[in-house]
PDB file of N, CA and C in Angstrom:
ATOM      1  N   SER A   1       0.877  -1.167  -0.013  1.00  0.00           N
ATOM      2  CA  SER A   1       0.004   0.013   0.015  1.00  0.00           C
ATOM      3  C   SER A   1       0.860   1.169   0.001  1.00  0.00           C
ATOM      4  N   ILE A   2       0.322   2.294  -0.551  1.00  0.00           N
ATOM      5  CA  ILE A   2       0.986   3.608  -0.540  1.00  0.00           C
ATOM      6  C   ILE A   2       0.058   4.653   0.088  1.00  0.00           C
ATOM      7  N   GLN A   3       0.572   5.355   1.067  1.00  0.00           N
ATOM      8  CA  GLN A   3      -0.156   6.478   1.646  1.00  0.00           C
ATOM      9  C   GLN A   3       0.635   7.761   1.391  1.00  0.00           C
ATOM     10  N   SER A   4      -0.075   8.722   0.770  1.00  0.00           N
ATOM     11  CA  SER A   4       0.610  10.003   0.531  1.00  0.00           C
ATOM     12  C   SER A   4       0.096  11.161   1.483  1.00  0.00           C
ATOM     13  N   ILE A   5       1.023  11.846   2.023  1.00  0.00           N
ATOM     14  CA  ILE A   5       0.635  12.985   2.831  1.00  0.00           C
ATOM     15  C   ILE A   5       1.332  14.310   2.349  1.00  0.00           C
ATOM     16  N   SER A   6       0.585  15.236   2.172  1.00  0.00           N
ATOM     17  CA  SER A   6       1.085  16.504   1.593  1.00  0.00           C
ATOM     18  C   SER A   6       1.251  17.630   2.627  1.00  0.00           C
ATOM     19  N   SER A   7       2.138  18.524   2.370  1.00  0.00           N
ATOM     20  CA  SER A   7       2.351  19.649   3.191  1.00  0.00           C
ATOM     21  C   SER A   7       1.219  20.677   2.968  1.00  0.00           C
ATOM     22  N   GLY A   8       0.447  20.510   1.925  1.00  0.00           N
ATOM     23  CA  GLY A   8      -0.641  21.449   1.637  1.00  0.00           C
ATOM     24  C   GLY A   8      -1.934  21.003   2.317  1.00  0.00           C
ATOM     25  N   GLN A   9      -3.035  21.349   1.719  1.00  0.00           N
ATOM     26  CA  GLN A   9      -4.401  21.127   2.231  1.00  0.00           C
ATOM     27  C   GLN A   9      -5.095  19.903   1.673  1.00  0.00           C
ATOM     28  N   SER A  10      -4.495  19.257   0.716  1.00  0.00           N
ATOM     29  CA  SER A  10      -5.234  18.159   0.106  1.00  0.00           C
ATOM     30  C   SER A  10      -5.202  16.939   1.009  1.00  0.00           C
ATOM     31  N   PRO A  11      -6.375  16.163   0.970  1.00  0.00           N
ATOM     32  CA  PRO A  11      -6.493  14.973   1.864  1.00  0.00           C
ATOM     33  C   PRO A  11      -5.476  13.943   1.551  1.00  0.00           C
ATOM     34  N   THR A  12      -5.210  13.060   2.484  1.00  0.00           N
ATOM     35  CA  THR A  12      -4.399  11.947   2.352  1.00  0.00           C
ATOM     36  C   THR A  12      -5.002  10.975   1.313  1.00  0.00           C
ATOM     37  N   LEU A  13      -4.086  10.330   0.515  1.00  0.00           N
ATOM     38  CA  LEU A  13      -4.577   9.372  -0.511  1.00  0.00           C
ATOM     39  C   LEU A  13      -3.947   7.964  -0.213  1.00  0.00           C
ATOM     40  N   PHE A  14      -4.723   6.944  -0.395  1.00  0.00           N
ATOM     41  CA  PHE A  14      -4.199   5.574  -0.119  1.00  0.00           C
ATOM     42  C   PHE A  14      -4.354   4.871  -1.493  1.00  0.00           C
ATOM     43  N   SER A  15      -3.409   3.973  -1.713  1.00  0.00           N
ATOM     44  CA  SER A  15      -3.465   3.029  -2.866  1.00  0.00           C
ATOM     45  C   SER A  15      -3.034   1.616  -2.373  1.00  0.00           C
ATOM     46  N   LEU A  16      -3.667   0.629  -3.052  1.00  0.00           N
ATOM     47  CA  LEU A  16      -3.377  -0.767  -2.619  1.00  0.00           C
ATOM     48  C   LEU A  16      -3.224  -1.526  -3.929  1.00  0.00           C
ATOM     49  N   ALA A  17      -2.144  -2.418  -4.013  1.00  0.00           N
ATOM     50  CA  ALA A  17      -1.982  -3.129  -5.272  1.00  0.00           C
ATOM     51  C   ALA A  17      -1.550  -4.541  -4.806  1.00  0.00           C
ATOM     52  N   HIS A  18      -1.813  -5.535  -5.716  1.00  0.00           N
ATOM     53  CA  HIS A  18      -1.287  -6.842  -5.582  1.00  0.00           C
ATOM     54  C   HIS A  18      -0.315  -7.007  -6.762  1.00  0.00           C
ATOM     55  N   ILE A  19       0.863  -7.126  -6.349  1.00  0.00           N
ATOM     56  CA  ILE A  19       2.033  -7.164  -7.413  1.00  0.00           C
ATOM     57  C   ILE A  19       2.602  -8.547  -7.318  1.00  0.00           C
ATOM     58  N   ASP A  20       2.477  -9.380  -8.356  1.00  0.00           N
ATOM     59  CA  ASP A  20       3.008 -10.780  -8.353  1.00  0.00           C
ATOM     60  C   ASP A  20       3.964 -11.032  -9.541  1.00  0.00           C
ATOM     61  N   GLY A  21       4.639  -9.991  -9.925  1.00  0.00           N
ATOM     62  CA  GLY A  21       5.634 -10.149 -11.045  1.00  0.00           C
ATOM     63  C   GLY A  21       6.283  -8.878 -11.242  1.00  0.00           C
ATOM     64  N   SER A  22       7.421  -9.013 -12.060  1.00  0.00           N
ATOM     65  CA  SER A  22       8.173  -7.785 -12.382  1.00  0.00           C
ATOM     66  C   SER A  22       7.618  -6.989 -13.572  1.00  0.00           C
ATOM     67  N   LEU A  23       6.477  -7.376 -14.039  1.00  0.00           N
ATOM     68  CA  LEU A  23       5.841  -6.705 -15.180  1.00  0.00           C
ATOM     69  C   LEU A  23       4.990  -5.490 -14.745  1.00  0.00           C
ATOM     70  N   TYR A  24       5.159  -5.167 -13.495  1.00  0.00           N
ATOM     71  CA  TYR A  24       4.267  -4.105 -12.918  1.00  0.00           C
ATOM     72  C   TYR A  24       4.987  -2.781 -12.781  1.00  0.00           C
ATOM     73  N   SER A  25       6.073  -2.554 -13.482  1.00  0.00           N
ATOM     74  CA  SER A  25       6.771  -1.280 -13.385  1.00  0.00           C
ATOM     75  C   SER A  25       5.881  -0.126 -13.747  1.00  0.00           C
ATOM     76  N   GLU A  26       5.156  -0.235 -14.844  1.00  0.00           N
ATOM     77  CA  GLU A  26       4.266   0.825 -15.259  1.00  0.00           C
ATOM     78  C   GLU A  26       3.176   1.086 -14.232  1.00  0.00           C
ATOM     79  N   CYS A  27       2.717   0.069 -13.601  1.00  0.00           N
ATOM     80  CA  CYS A  27       1.663   0.220 -12.626  1.00  0.00           C
ATOM     81  C   CYS A  27       2.227   1.037 -11.401  1.00  0.00           C
ATOM     82  N   LEU A  28       3.419   0.649 -10.953  1.00  0.00           N
ATOM     83  CA  LEU A  28       4.015   1.369  -9.877  1.00  0.00           C
ATOM     84  C   LEU A  28       4.218   2.883 -10.236  1.00  0.00           C
ATOM     85  N   MET A  29       4.775   3.145 -11.396  1.00  0.00           N
ATOM     86  CA  MET A  29       4.979   4.517 -11.849  1.00  0.00           C
ATOM     87  C   MET A  29       3.623   5.228 -11.890  1.00  0.00           C
ATOM     88  N   GLU A  30       2.614   4.610 -12.381  1.00  0.00           N
ATOM     89  CA  GLU A  30       1.327   5.285 -12.441  1.00  0.00           C
ATOM     90  C   GLU A  30       0.805   5.592 -11.122  1.00  0.00           C
ATOM     91  N   MET A  31       0.922   4.662 -10.178  1.00  0.00           N
ATOM     92  CA  MET A  31       0.448   4.864  -8.794  1.00  0.00           C
ATOM     93  C   MET A  31       1.171   6.100  -8.231  1.00  0.00           C
ATOM     94  N   ILE A  32       2.472   6.180  -8.393  1.00  0.00           N
ATOM     95  CA  ILE A  32       3.203   7.381  -7.851  1.00  0.00           C
ATOM     96  C   ILE A  32       2.749   8.612  -8.503  1.00  0.00           C
ATOM     97  N   GLU A  33       2.472   8.657  -9.848  1.00  0.00           N
ATOM     98  CA  GLU A  33       2.004   9.859 -10.514  1.00  0.00           C
ATOM     99  C   GLU A  33       0.604  10.240 -10.064  1.00  0.00           C
ATOM    100  N   ILE A  34      -0.214   9.294  -9.804  1.00  0.00           N
ATOM    101  CA  ILE A  34      -1.549   9.580  -9.320  1.00  0.00           C
ATOM    102  C   ILE A  34      -1.504  10.288  -7.942  1.00  0.00           C
ATOM    103  N   HIS A  35      -0.540   9.824  -7.136  1.00  0.00           N
ATOM    104  CA  HIS A  35      -0.393  10.460  -5.819  1.00  0.00           C
ATOM    105  C   HIS A  35       0.127  11.916  -5.987  1.00  0.00           C
ATOM    106  N   VAL A  36       1.137  12.021  -6.873  1.00  0.00           N
ATOM    107  CA  VAL A  36       1.702  13.336  -7.126  1.00  0.00           C
ATOM    108  C   VAL A  36       0.644  14.361  -7.619  1.00  0.00           C
ATOM    109  N   ARG A  37      -0.120  13.898  -8.646  1.00  0.00           N
ATOM    110  CA  ARG A  37      -1.206  14.749  -9.233  1.00  0.00           C
ATOM    111  C   ARG A  37      -2.302  15.073  -8.157  1.00  0.00           C
ATOM    112  N   HIS A  38      -2.561  14.113  -7.339  1.00  0.00           N
ATOM    113  CA  HIS A  38      -3.657  14.289  -6.331  1.00  0.00           C
ATOM    114  C   HIS A  38      -3.210  15.432  -5.358  1.00  0.00           C
ATOM    115  N   HIS A  39      -1.877  15.575  -5.091  1.00  0.00           N
ATOM    116  CA  HIS A  39      -1.370  16.586  -4.065  1.00  0.00           C
ATOM    117  C   HIS A  39      -0.814  17.787  -4.705  1.00  0.00           C
ATOM    118  N   GLN A  40      -0.858  17.949  -6.035  1.00  0.00           N
ATOM    119  CA  GLN A  40      -0.238  19.120  -6.631  1.00  0.00           C
ATOM    120  C   GLN A  40      -0.905  20.411  -6.071  1.00  0.00           C
ATOM    121  N   LEU A  41       0.010  21.324  -5.643  1.00  0.00           N
ATOM    122  CA  LEU A  41      -0.586  22.564  -5.128  1.00  0.00           C
ATOM    123  C   LEU A  41      -1.062  23.501  -6.238  1.00  0.00           C
ATOM    124  N   ASP A  42      -2.174  24.146  -5.937  1.00  0.00           N
ATOM    125  CA  ASP A  42      -2.743  25.044  -6.975  1.00  0.00           C
ATOM    126  C   ASP A  42      -1.968  26.287  -6.968  1.00  0.00           C
ATOM    127  N   GLU A  43      -2.214  27.143  -7.973  1.00  0.00           N
ATOM    128  CA  GLU A  43      -1.449  28.369  -8.248  1.00  0.00           C
ATOM    129  C   GLU A  43      -1.432  29.300  -7.058  1.00  0.00           C
ATOM    130  N   GLU A  44      -2.513  29.297  -6.328  1.00  0.00           N
ATOM    131  CA  GLU A  44      -2.548  30.235  -5.174  1.00  0.00           C
ATOM    132  C   GLU A  44      -1.612  29.903  -4.101  1.00  0.00           C
ATOM    133  N   ARG A  45      -1.130  28.642  -4.038  1.00  0.00           N
ATOM    134  CA  ARG A  45      -0.162  28.269  -2.960  1.00  0.00           C
ATOM    135  C   ARG A  45       1.283  28.039  -3.503  1.00  0.00           C
ATOM    136  N   GLU A  46       1.526  28.528  -4.741  1.00  0.00           N
ATOM    137  CA  GLU A  46       2.892  28.392  -5.318  1.00  0.00           C
ATOM    138  C   GLU A  46       3.996  29.026  -4.479  1.00  0.00           C
ATOM    139  N   GLU A  47       3.689  30.220  -3.902  1.00  0.00           N
ATOM    140  CA  GLU A  47       4.683  30.912  -3.069  1.00  0.00           C
ATOM    141  C   GLU A  47       4.949  30.191  -1.822  1.00  0.00           C
ATOM    142  N   GLU A  48       3.892  29.627  -1.166  1.00  0.00           N
ATOM    143  CA  GLU A  48       4.012  28.863  -0.038  1.00  0.00           C
ATOM    144  C   GLU A  48       4.817  27.628  -0.312  1.00  0.00           C
ATOM    145  N   ASN A  49       4.617  26.996  -1.426  1.00  0.00           N
ATOM    146  CA  ASN A  49       5.412  25.851  -1.825  1.00  0.00           C
ATOM    147  C   ASN A  49       6.859  26.082  -2.112  1.00  0.00           C
ATOM    148  N   ALA A  50       7.175  27.250  -2.687  1.00  0.00           N
ATOM    149  CA  ALA A  50       8.571  27.558  -2.950  1.00  0.00           C
ATOM    150  C   ALA A  50       9.337  27.758  -1.567  1.00  0.00           C
ATOM    151  N   VAL A  51       8.686  28.398  -0.632  1.00  0.00           N
ATOM    152  CA  VAL A  51       9.308  28.590   0.672  1.00  0.00           C
ATOM    153  C   VAL A  51       9.544  27.247   1.319  1.00  0.00           C
ATOM    154  N   TYR A  52       8.582  26.347   1.226  1.00  0.00           N
ATOM    155  CA  TYR A  52       8.624  25.028   1.857  1.00  0.00           C
ATOM    156  C   TYR A  52       9.852  24.281   1.246  1.00  0.00           C
ATOM    157  N   GLN A  53      10.038  24.285  -0.157  1.00  0.00           N
ATOM    158  CA  GLN A  53      11.100  23.626  -0.789  1.00  0.00           C
ATOM    159  C   GLN A  53      12.469  24.168  -0.381  1.00  0.00           C
ATOM    160  N   LYS A  54      12.519  25.456  -0.198  1.00  0.00           N
ATOM    161  CA  LYS A  54      13.767  26.124   0.264  1.00  0.00           C
ATOM    162  C   LYS A  54      14.257  25.595   1.561  1.00  0.00           C
ATOM    163  N   ARG A  55      13.370  25.124   2.381  1.00  0.00           N
ATOM    164  CA  ARG A  55      13.674  24.603   3.723  1.00  0.00           C
ATOM    165  C   ARG A  55      14.258  23.192   3.569  1.00  0.00           C
ATOM    166  N   GLY A  56      14.267  22.697   2.330  1.00  0.00           N
ATOM    167  CA  GLY A  56      14.854  21.253   2.148  1.00  0.00           C
ATOM    168  C   GLY A  56      13.844  20.232   2.368  1.00  0.00           C
ATOM    169  N   LYS A  57      12.571  20.487   2.389  1.00  0.00           N
ATOM    170  CA  LYS A  57      11.529  19.539   2.531  1.00  0.00           C
ATOM    171  C   LYS A  57      10.891  19.236   1.259  1.00  0.00           C
ATOM    172  N   ALA A  58      10.424  17.971   1.036  1.00  0.00           N
ATOM    173  CA  ALA A  58       9.746  17.643  -0.201  1.00  0.00           C
ATOM    174  C   ALA A  58       8.297  18.026  -0.039  1.00  0.00           C
ATOM    175  N   LYS A  59       7.670  18.179  -1.204  1.00  0.00           N
ATOM    176  CA  LYS A  59       6.240  18.521  -1.157  1.00  0.00           C
ATOM    177  C   LYS A  59       5.344  17.337  -0.618  1.00  0.00           C
ATOM    178  N   LEU A  60       5.892  16.204  -0.926  1.00  0.00           N
ATOM    179  CA  LEU A  60       4.988  15.023  -0.717  1.00  0.00           C
ATOM    180  C   LEU A  60       5.705  13.906   0.056  1.00  0.00           C
ATOM    181  N   GLU A  61       5.074  13.279   0.987  1.00  0.00           N
ATOM    182  CA  GLU A  61       5.613  12.168   1.743  1.00  0.00           C
ATOM    183  C   GLU A  61       4.776  11.008   1.403  1.00  0.00           C
ATOM    184  N   LEU A  62       5.522   9.884   0.874  1.00  0.00           N
ATOM    185  CA  LEU A  62       4.843   8.604   0.605  1.00  0.00           C
ATOM    186  C   LEU A  62       5.323   7.538   1.634  1.00  0.00           C
ATOM    187  N   VAL A  63       4.339   6.985   2.331  1.00  0.00           N
ATOM    188  CA  VAL A  63       4.594   5.945   3.318  1.00  0.00           C
ATOM    189  C   VAL A  63       4.141   4.649   2.650  1.00  0.00           C
ATOM    190  N   ILE A  64       5.096   3.668   2.611  1.00  0.00           N
ATOM    191  CA  ILE A  64       4.849   2.421   1.890  1.00  0.00           C
ATOM    192  C   ILE A  64       4.921   1.275   2.857  1.00  0.00           C
ATOM    193  N   ASP A  65       3.868   0.374   2.748  1.00  0.00           N
ATOM    194  CA  ASP A  65       3.809  -0.869   3.504  1.00  0.00           C
ATOM    195  C   ASP A  65       3.771  -2.033   2.466  1.00  0.00           C
ATOM    196  N   ILE A  66       4.765  -2.941   2.683  1.00  0.00           N
ATOM    197  CA  ILE A  66       4.892  -4.059   1.752  1.00  0.00           C
ATOM    198  C   ILE A  66       4.683  -5.311   2.583  1.00  0.00           C
ATOM    199  N   VAL A  67       3.744  -6.140   2.239  1.00  0.00           N
ATOM    200  CA  VAL A  67       3.499  -7.375   2.907  1.00  0.00           C
ATOM    201  C   VAL A  67       3.146  -8.511   1.830  1.00  0.00           C
ATOM    202  N   GLY A  68       3.712  -9.601   1.980  1.00  0.00           N
ATOM    203  CA  GLY A  68       3.303 -10.731   1.086  1.00  0.00           C
ATOM    204  C   GLY A  68       4.564 -11.536   0.718  1.00  0.00           C
ATOM    205  N   GLY A  69       4.176 -12.597  -0.132  1.00  0.00           N
ATOM    206  CA  GLY A  69       5.213 -13.495  -0.566  1.00  0.00           C
ATOM    207  C   GLY A  69       5.291 -14.651   0.428  1.00  0.00           C
ATOM    208  N   PHE A  70       6.139 -15.660   0.068  1.00  0.00           N
ATOM    209  CA  PHE A  70       6.358 -16.724   0.883  1.00  0.00           C
ATOM    210  C   PHE A  70       7.643 -17.422   0.485  1.00  0.00           C
ATOM    211  N   ASP A  71       8.017 -18.421   1.081  1.00  0.00           N
ATOM    212  CA  ASP A  71       9.291 -19.147   0.862  1.00  0.00           C
ATOM    213  C   ASP A  71       9.038 -20.331  -0.144  1.00  0.00           C
ATOM    214  N   ASP A  72       9.014 -19.981  -1.503  1.00  0.00           N
ATOM    215  CA  ASP A  72       8.664 -21.014  -2.399  1.00  0.00           C
ATOM    216  C   ASP A  72       9.931 -21.643  -2.947  1.00  0.00           C
ATOM    217  N   ASP A  73       9.767 -22.929  -3.411  1.00  0.00           N
ATOM    218  CA  ASP A  73      10.913 -23.737  -3.847  1.00  0.00           C
ATOM    219  C   ASP A  73      11.688 -23.105  -4.990  1.00  0.00           C
ATOM    220  N   ARG A  74      10.981 -22.415  -5.888  1.00  0.00           N
ATOM    221  CA  ARG A  74      11.584 -21.767  -7.102  1.00  0.00           C
ATOM    222  C   ARG A  74      12.285 -20.493  -6.815  1.00  0.00           C
ATOM    223  N   GLY A  75      11.988 -19.905  -5.664  1.00  0.00           N
ATOM    224  CA  GLY A  75      12.579 -18.641  -5.250  1.00  0.00           C
ATOM    225  C   GLY A  75      11.962 -17.398  -5.987  1.00  0.00           C
ATOM    226  N   ALA A  76      10.729 -17.726  -6.594  1.00  0.00           N
ATOM    227  CA  ALA A  76      10.121 -16.631  -7.296  1.00  0.00           C
ATOM    228  C   ALA A  76       9.724 -15.450  -6.371  1.00  0.00           C
ATOM    229  N   SER A  77       9.198 -15.774  -5.247  1.00  0.00           N
ATOM    230  CA  SER A  77       8.782 -14.683  -4.302  1.00  0.00           C
ATOM    231  C   SER A  77       9.906 -13.883  -3.874  1.00  0.00           C
ATOM    232  N   THR A  78      11.100 -14.472  -3.660  1.00  0.00           N
ATOM    233  CA  THR A  78      12.293 -13.639  -3.290  1.00  0.00           C
ATOM    234  C   THR A  78      12.673 -12.732  -4.412  1.00  0.00           C
ATOM    235  N   GLN A  79      12.623 -13.250  -5.702  1.00  0.00           N
ATOM    236  CA  GLN A  79      12.989 -12.478  -6.796  1.00  0.00           C
ATOM    237  C   GLN A  79      11.992 -11.251  -7.027  1.00  0.00           C
ATOM    238  N   ILE A  80      10.693 -11.561  -6.837  1.00  0.00           N
ATOM    239  CA  ILE A  80       9.710 -10.445  -6.924  1.00  0.00           C
ATOM    240  C   ILE A  80       9.989  -9.420  -5.796  1.00  0.00           C
ATOM    241  N   SER A  81      10.240  -9.836  -4.669  1.00  0.00           N
ATOM    242  CA  SER A  81      10.525  -8.935  -3.527  1.00  0.00           C
ATOM    243  C   SER A  81      11.697  -8.096  -3.822  1.00  0.00           C
ATOM    244  N   SER A  82      12.833  -8.695  -4.229  1.00  0.00           N
ATOM    245  CA  SER A  82      14.010  -7.912  -4.602  1.00  0.00           C
ATOM    246  C   SER A  82      13.656  -6.910  -5.695  1.00  0.00           C
ATOM    247  N   TRP A  83      12.983  -7.303  -6.767  1.00  0.00           N
ATOM    248  CA  TRP A  83      12.647  -6.428  -7.794  1.00  0.00           C
ATOM    249  C   TRP A  83      11.856  -5.283  -7.324  1.00  0.00           C
ATOM    250  N   LEU A  84      10.890  -5.564  -6.491  1.00  0.00           N
ATOM    251  CA  LEU A  84       9.941  -4.451  -5.947  1.00  0.00           C
ATOM    252  C   LEU A  84      10.745  -3.423  -5.195  1.00  0.00           C
ATOM    253  N   LEU A  85      11.672  -3.956  -4.270  1.00  0.00           N
ATOM    254  CA  LEU A  85      12.383  -3.003  -3.517  1.00  0.00           C
ATOM    255  C   LEU A  85      13.342  -2.168  -4.375  1.00  0.00           C
ATOM    256  N   GLU A  86      13.908  -2.769  -5.429  1.00  0.00           N
ATOM    257  CA  GLU A  86      14.777  -2.029  -6.388  1.00  0.00           C
ATOM    258  C   GLU A  86      13.942  -1.069  -7.164  1.00  0.00           C
ATOM    259  N   ALA A  87      12.731  -1.477  -7.611  1.00  0.00           N
ATOM    260  CA  ALA A  87      11.928  -0.607  -8.401  1.00  0.00           C
ATOM    261  C   ALA A  87      11.510   0.633  -7.594  1.00  0.00           C
ATOM    262  N   LEU A  88      11.188   0.421  -6.291  1.00  0.00           N
ATOM    263  CA  LEU A  88      10.806   1.538  -5.460  1.00  0.00           C
ATOM    264  C   LEU A  88      12.031   2.491  -5.200  1.00  0.00           C
ATOM    265  N   ALA A  89      13.232   1.904  -5.055  1.00  0.00           N
ATOM    266  CA  ALA A  89      14.427   2.699  -4.848  1.00  0.00           C
ATOM    267  C   ALA A  89      14.670   3.612  -6.027  1.00  0.00           C
ATOM    268  N   HIS A  90      14.435   3.068  -7.253  1.00  0.00           N
ATOM    269  CA  HIS A  90      14.612   3.893  -8.509  1.00  0.00           C
ATOM    270  C   HIS A  90      13.608   4.949  -8.546  1.00  0.00           C
ATOM    271  N   LEU A  91      12.270   4.649  -8.316  1.00  0.00           N
ATOM    272  CA  LEU A  91      11.264   5.662  -8.356  1.00  0.00           C
ATOM    273  C   LEU A  91      11.531   6.798  -7.277  1.00  0.00           C
ATOM    274  N   ALA A  92      12.070   6.385  -6.082  1.00  0.00           N
ATOM    275  CA  ALA A  92      12.346   7.357  -5.084  1.00  0.00           C
ATOM    276  C   ALA A  92      13.486   8.347  -5.654  1.00  0.00           C
ATOM    277  N   GLU A  93      14.490   7.765  -6.236  1.00  0.00           N
ATOM    278  CA  GLU A  93      15.558   8.538  -6.842  1.00  0.00           C
ATOM    279  C   GLU A  93      15.175   9.450  -7.948  1.00  0.00           C
ATOM    280  N   ASP A  94      14.291   8.843  -8.859  1.00  0.00           N
ATOM    281  CA  ASP A  94      13.723   9.623  -9.961  1.00  0.00           C
ATOM    282  C   ASP A  94      12.877  10.814  -9.545  1.00  0.00           C
ATOM    283  N   HIS A  95      12.287  10.718  -8.403  1.00  0.00           N
ATOM    284  CA  HIS A  95      11.276  11.717  -7.999  1.00  0.00           C
ATOM    285  C   HIS A  95      11.712  12.444  -6.728  1.00  0.00           C
ATOM    286  N   GLN A  96      13.051  12.422  -6.335  1.00  0.00           N
ATOM    287  CA  GLN A  96      13.539  12.912  -5.129  1.00  0.00           C
ATOM    288  C   GLN A  96      13.310  14.428  -4.991  1.00  0.00           C
ATOM    289  N   ASP A  97      13.151  15.200  -6.036  1.00  0.00           N
ATOM    290  CA  ASP A  97      12.948  16.591  -6.050  1.00  0.00           C
ATOM    291  C   ASP A  97      11.452  16.906  -5.637  1.00  0.00           C
ATOM    292  N   ILE A  98      10.567  15.986  -5.680  1.00  0.00           N
ATOM    293  CA  ILE A  98       9.149  16.298  -5.355  1.00  0.00           C
ATOM    294  C   ILE A  98       8.600  15.501  -4.242  1.00  0.00           C
ATOM    295  N   LEU A  99       9.296  14.428  -3.822  1.00  0.00           N
ATOM    296  CA  LEU A  99       8.709  13.581  -2.715  1.00  0.00           C
ATOM    297  C   LEU A  99       9.751  12.826  -1.943  1.00  0.00           C
ATOM    298  N   ASN A 100       9.342  12.409  -0.803  1.00  0.00           N
ATOM    299  CA  ASN A 100      10.103  11.517   0.081  1.00  0.00           C
ATOM    300  C   ASN A 100       9.350  10.157   0.098  1.00  0.00           C
ATOM    301  N   MET A 101      10.093   9.021  -0.059  1.00  0.00           N
ATOM    302  CA  MET A 101       9.396   7.751   0.057  1.00  0.00           C
ATOM    303  C   MET A 101      10.047   7.059   1.220  1.00  0.00           C
ATOM    304  N   ASN A 102       9.165   6.569   2.173  1.00  0.00           N
ATOM    305  CA  ASN A 102       9.624   5.791   3.312  1.00  0.00           C
ATOM    306  C   ASN A 102       8.857   4.487   3.434  1.00  0.00           C
ATOM    307  N   ILE A 103       9.686   3.387   3.617  1.00  0.00           N
ATOM    308  CA  ILE A 103       9.068   2.116   3.810  1.00  0.00           C
ATOM    309  C   ILE A 103       8.820   1.945   5.344  1.00  0.00           C
ATOM    310  N   ARG A 104       7.542   1.835   5.693  1.00  0.00           N
ATOM    311  CA  ARG A 104       7.103   1.724   7.105  1.00  0.00           C
ATOM    312  C   ARG A 104       7.111   0.268   7.536  1.00  0.00           C
ATOM    313  N   THR A 105       6.585  -0.640   6.607  1.00  0.00           N
ATOM    314  CA  THR A 105       6.481  -2.037   6.898  1.00  0.00           C
ATOM    315  C   THR A 105       7.018  -2.801   5.684  1.00  0.00           C
ATOM    316  N   CYS A 106       7.825  -3.796   5.944  1.00  0.00           N
ATOM    317  CA  CYS A 106       8.382  -4.702   4.933  1.00  0.00           C
ATOM    318  C   CYS A 106       8.412  -6.087   5.481  1.00  0.00           C
ATOM    319  N   ALA A 107       7.365  -6.881   5.237  1.00  0.00           N
ATOM    320  CA  ALA A 107       7.292  -8.289   5.733  1.00  0.00           C
ATOM    321  C   ALA A 107       7.034  -9.116   4.360  1.00  0.00           C
ATOM    322  N   ILE A 108       8.111  -9.602   3.847  1.00  0.00           N
ATOM    323  CA  ILE A 108       8.094 -10.174   2.514  1.00  0.00           C
ATOM    324  C   ILE A 108       8.855 -11.533   2.426  1.00  0.00           C
ATOM    325  N   SER A 109       8.562 -12.278   1.488  1.00  0.00           N
ATOM    326  CA  SER A 109       9.270 -13.597   1.092  1.00  0.00           C
ATOM    327  C   SER A 109       9.235 -14.421   2.372  1.00  0.00           C
ATOM    328  N   TYR A 110      10.293 -15.019   2.730  1.00  0.00           N
ATOM    329  CA  TYR A 110      10.371 -15.962   3.869  1.00  0.00           C
ATOM    330  C   TYR A 110      10.087 -15.244   5.162  1.00  0.00           C
ATOM    331  N   LEU A 111      10.179 -13.876   5.297  1.00  0.00           N
ATOM    332  CA  LEU A 111       9.808 -13.250   6.498  1.00  0.00           C
ATOM    333  C   LEU A 111       8.340 -13.171   6.735  1.00  0.00           C
ATOM    334  N   ASN A 112       7.559 -13.581   5.688  1.00  0.00           N
ATOM    335  CA  ASN A 112       6.198 -13.542   5.772  1.00  0.00           C
ATOM    336  C   ASN A 112       5.629 -14.999   5.799  1.00  0.00           C
ATOM    337  N   ASP A 113       6.490 -16.041   5.972  1.00  0.00           N
ATOM    338  CA  ASP A 113       6.105 -17.391   5.969  1.00  0.00           C
ATOM    339  C   ASP A 113       6.539 -18.174   7.124  1.00  0.00           C
ATOM    340  N   ASP A 114       5.603 -18.878   7.729  1.00  0.00           N
ATOM    341  CA  ASP A 114       5.941 -19.675   8.898  1.00  0.00           C
ATOM    342  C   ASP A 114       6.516 -21.076   8.598  1.00  0.00           C
ATOM    343  N   GLY A 115       6.631 -21.330   7.346  1.00  0.00           N
ATOM    344  CA  GLY A 115       7.157 -22.720   6.932  1.00  0.00           C
ATOM    345  C   GLY A 115       6.128 -23.748   6.734  1.00  0.00           C
ATOM    346  N   ASN A 116       4.819 -23.467   6.977  1.00  0.00           N
ATOM    347  CA  ASN A 116       3.798 -24.443   6.752  1.00  0.00           C
ATOM    348  C   ASN A 116       3.088 -24.276   5.474  1.00  0.00           C
TER     349      ASN A 116
END
C-alpha cells in the first residue's frame, strides 16, 4: 500500500496493489504519478510551496507498506520482492525533488512465511 501525505491542504490518498511479478513497473509509476497529481498545489499556494522547498523538505511524503510473498521452492517470491524494493528505490531517486518515500512495513518472502 502507498499512503501520501502533503504539506498542503489536500487530503491523504491511499493506494493498494497486488504485485505478483516484475511486469508491474508501469503500474508502480502510475500509482506514484496519481499520488503526485492528487497533491499538486494550486497556483494560489505556489509561493508557500517555494518557501517550503527552500527549507529542504519535499512537497509530498509517501509511506509504503509491503506485505506478502512466501518461501517458495523456485525462489520466485524472493525475486519479486527484490525487484519491488529495487523498483521503489529507482522511483524514489527519480522523484527525489518532489517527494520523500519511506518504507514503514516490509514483511516479505520468507519473512512472511512460517514454513507451513
